[in-house]
Amino acid sequence: MKWTFGLAALLLPALTLADYYSSVDDDTCWDGKTSRNSPCMVVDNDRWSQYSEGQFIVTYRNVCDHRIYARFCNERKDGTEDCGASGISPGKTKNWSTYRANGRYSYKWIGVTKGSMDWVCSGKVNGWHD
């Protein structure tokens, strides 16, 4: 019985790493999820600027061990969206700010190992280029 638990403890780290590697496709795209199947991209903070009235700032964080490509939009008071996209390295953050904002925002992401494949991989996400 002890041997079975010991073997499982030795194999567990390998199984955790298999999640990322098994999801990478031929275009270097991957699912953008942690080994626990939760999102790699999280909202670290959202706030109104203390220096500029009507400026809204959202900070996104990559909580995974591999690069992601993110699209983020802040909505303006007139209902239009101010959008951008950027690669985010493991453990790093990206701020997106908008003037004349109303406080609403949205985002999407996908894992992309090679930055040169950002456009290809983002095309695999429903609604990315809308």
Protein backbone atom coordinates (compact mmCIF):
# COMPACT_ATOMS: atom_id res chain seq x y z
CA MET A 1 0.00 0.00 0.00
CA LYS A 2 2.78 2.47 0.83
CA TRP A 3 4.42 1.77 -2.54
CA THR A 4 1.22 2.72 -4.39
CA PHE A 5 0.96 6.06 -2.59
CA GLY A 6 4.67 6.71 -3.13
CA LEU A 7 4.36 5.99 -6.85
CA ALA A 8 1.34 8.28 -7.13
CA ALA A 9 3.26 11.06 -5.37
CA LEU A 10 6.14 10.65 -7.81
CA LEU A 11 3.87 10.66 -10.86
CA LEU A 12 1.67 13.58 -9.77
CA PRO A 13 4.10 16.33 -10.84
CA ALA A 14 4.50 14.68 -14.26
CA LEU A 15 0.73 14.47 -14.69
CA THR A 16 0.36 18.15 -13.80
CA LEU A 17 2.86 19.17 -16.49
CA ALA A 18 1.16 16.95 -19.05
CA ASP A 19 -1.88 19.27 -19.06
CA TYR A 20 0.00 22.10 -20.79
CA TYR A 21 2.03 19.94 -23.14
CA SER A 22 -0.93 17.83 -24.19
CA SER A 23 -2.95 20.93 -25.13
CA VAL A 24 -0.32 22.59 -27.38
CA ASP A 25 -1.27 22.21 -31.05
CA ASP A 26 0.79 22.44 -34.26
CA ASP A 27 0.38 26.24 -34.32
CA THR A 28 1.80 26.54 -30.75
CA CYS A 29 -1.67 27.41 -29.41
CA TRP A 30 -2.83 25.92 -26.11
CA ASP A 31 -5.98 26.11 -24.01
CA GLY A 32 -4.83 28.87 -21.62
CA LYS A 33 -5.88 26.99 -18.51
CA THR A 34 -4.07 25.93 -15.36
CA SER A 35 -3.51 22.30 -14.46
CA ARG A 36 -6.70 22.62 -12.35
CA ASN A 37 -8.65 23.75 -15.46
CA SER A 38 -9.05 27.34 -14.23
CA PRO A 39 -8.29 30.40 -16.38
CA CYS A 40 -4.70 31.56 -16.81
CA MET A 41 -5.86 35.15 -17.20
CA VAL A 42 -7.40 36.83 -14.18
CA VAL A 43 -8.41 40.39 -13.35
CA ASP A 44 -5.88 41.52 -10.78
CA ASN A 45 -7.53 44.91 -10.25
CA ASP A 46 -10.02 47.34 -11.76
CA ARG A 47 -10.16 50.95 -10.67
CA TRP A 48 -10.88 54.54 -11.58
CA SER A 49 -7.81 56.72 -11.97
CA GLN A 50 -7.18 59.11 -9.13
CA TYR A 51 -5.44 61.50 -11.54
CA SER A 52 -7.83 61.70 -14.47
CA GLU A 53 -11.61 61.86 -14.15
CA GLY A 54 -13.36 59.22 -16.24
CA GLN A 55 -10.26 57.08 -16.81
CA PHE A 56 -10.87 53.42 -15.99
CA ILE A 57 -7.97 50.97 -15.62
CA VAL A 58 -8.08 47.17 -15.58
CA THR A 59 -5.02 45.12 -14.65
CA TYR A 60 -4.83 41.57 -16.00
CA ARG A 61 -2.46 38.89 -14.70
CA ASN A 62 -1.20 35.67 -16.28
CA VAL A 63 -1.22 33.14 -13.42
CA CYS A 64 0.16 30.30 -15.57
CA ASP A 65 3.70 29.12 -16.25
CA HIS A 66 3.49 29.82 -19.99
CA ARG A 67 2.73 32.80 -22.22
CA ILE A 68 -0.82 33.83 -23.12
CA TYR A 69 -2.24 36.23 -25.70
CA ALA A 70 -5.04 38.44 -24.44
CA ARG A 71 -7.69 40.72 -25.91
CA PHE A 72 -9.30 43.26 -23.60
CA CYS A 73 -11.98 45.90 -24.06
CA ASN A 74 -13.18 48.73 -21.84
CA GLU A 75 -16.53 50.24 -22.66
CA ARG A 76 -16.91 53.98 -23.07
CA LYS A 77 -19.83 56.06 -21.80
CA ASP A 78 -21.23 56.23 -25.35
CA GLY A 79 -21.33 52.40 -25.56
CA THR A 80 -18.37 51.98 -27.92
CA GLU A 81 -15.48 49.74 -26.95
CA ASP A 82 -11.81 50.60 -26.60
CA CYS A 83 -9.97 47.33 -27.30
CA GLY A 84 -6.40 46.11 -27.48
CA ALA A 85 -4.40 42.91 -27.42
CA SER A 86 -1.07 41.85 -26.02
CA GLY A 87 1.02 38.86 -25.07
CA ILE A 88 1.42 38.41 -21.32
CA SER A 89 4.38 36.45 -19.97
CA PRO A 90 4.03 34.04 -17.04
CA GLY A 91 3.35 35.85 -13.77
CA LYS A 92 3.26 39.28 -15.45
CA THR A 93 0.49 41.89 -15.66
CA LYS A 94 -0.92 44.16 -18.35
CA ASN A 95 -2.90 47.35 -17.73
CA TRP A 96 -5.59 48.58 -20.12
CA SER A 97 -7.01 52.05 -19.55
CA THR A 98 -9.76 54.02 -21.24
CA TYR A 99 -10.87 57.63 -20.93
CA ARG A 100 -14.59 58.51 -20.82
CA ALA A 101 -15.24 54.95 -19.62
CA ASN A 102 -18.35 53.57 -17.93
CA GLY A 103 -16.62 50.86 -15.86
CA ARG A 104 -17.64 47.82 -17.89
CA TYR A 105 -15.02 45.61 -19.52
CA SER A 106 -14.56 42.26 -21.21
CA TYR A 107 -11.63 40.03 -22.15
CA LYS A 108 -10.58 36.84 -23.89
CA TRP A 109 -7.32 34.93 -23.96
CA ILE A 110 -5.61 31.92 -25.42
CA GLY A 111 -2.27 30.31 -24.72
CA VAL A 112 0.28 31.00 -27.46
CA THR A 113 3.81 29.69 -27.11
CA LYS A 114 5.26 31.75 -30.01
CA GLY A 115 4.30 35.41 -30.29
CA SER A 116 4.54 35.18 -34.08
CA MET A 117 1.46 32.92 -33.95
CA ASP A 118 -0.78 35.29 -31.93
CA TRP A 119 -3.04 36.11 -34.89
CA VAL A 120 -3.38 32.46 -35.91
CA CYS A 121 -4.23 31.29 -32.39
CA SER A 122 -6.62 34.16 -31.66
CA GLY A 123 -8.56 33.13 -34.76
CA LYS A 124 -9.37 29.87 -32.99
CA VAL A 125 -11.31 31.70 -30.25
CA ASN A 126 -14.99 32.36 -30.99
CA GLY A 127 -15.72 36.06 -31.35
CA TRP A 128 -12.11 37.22 -30.99
CA HIS A 129 -12.09 39.33 -34.16
CA ASP A 130 -15.67 40.64 -33.86
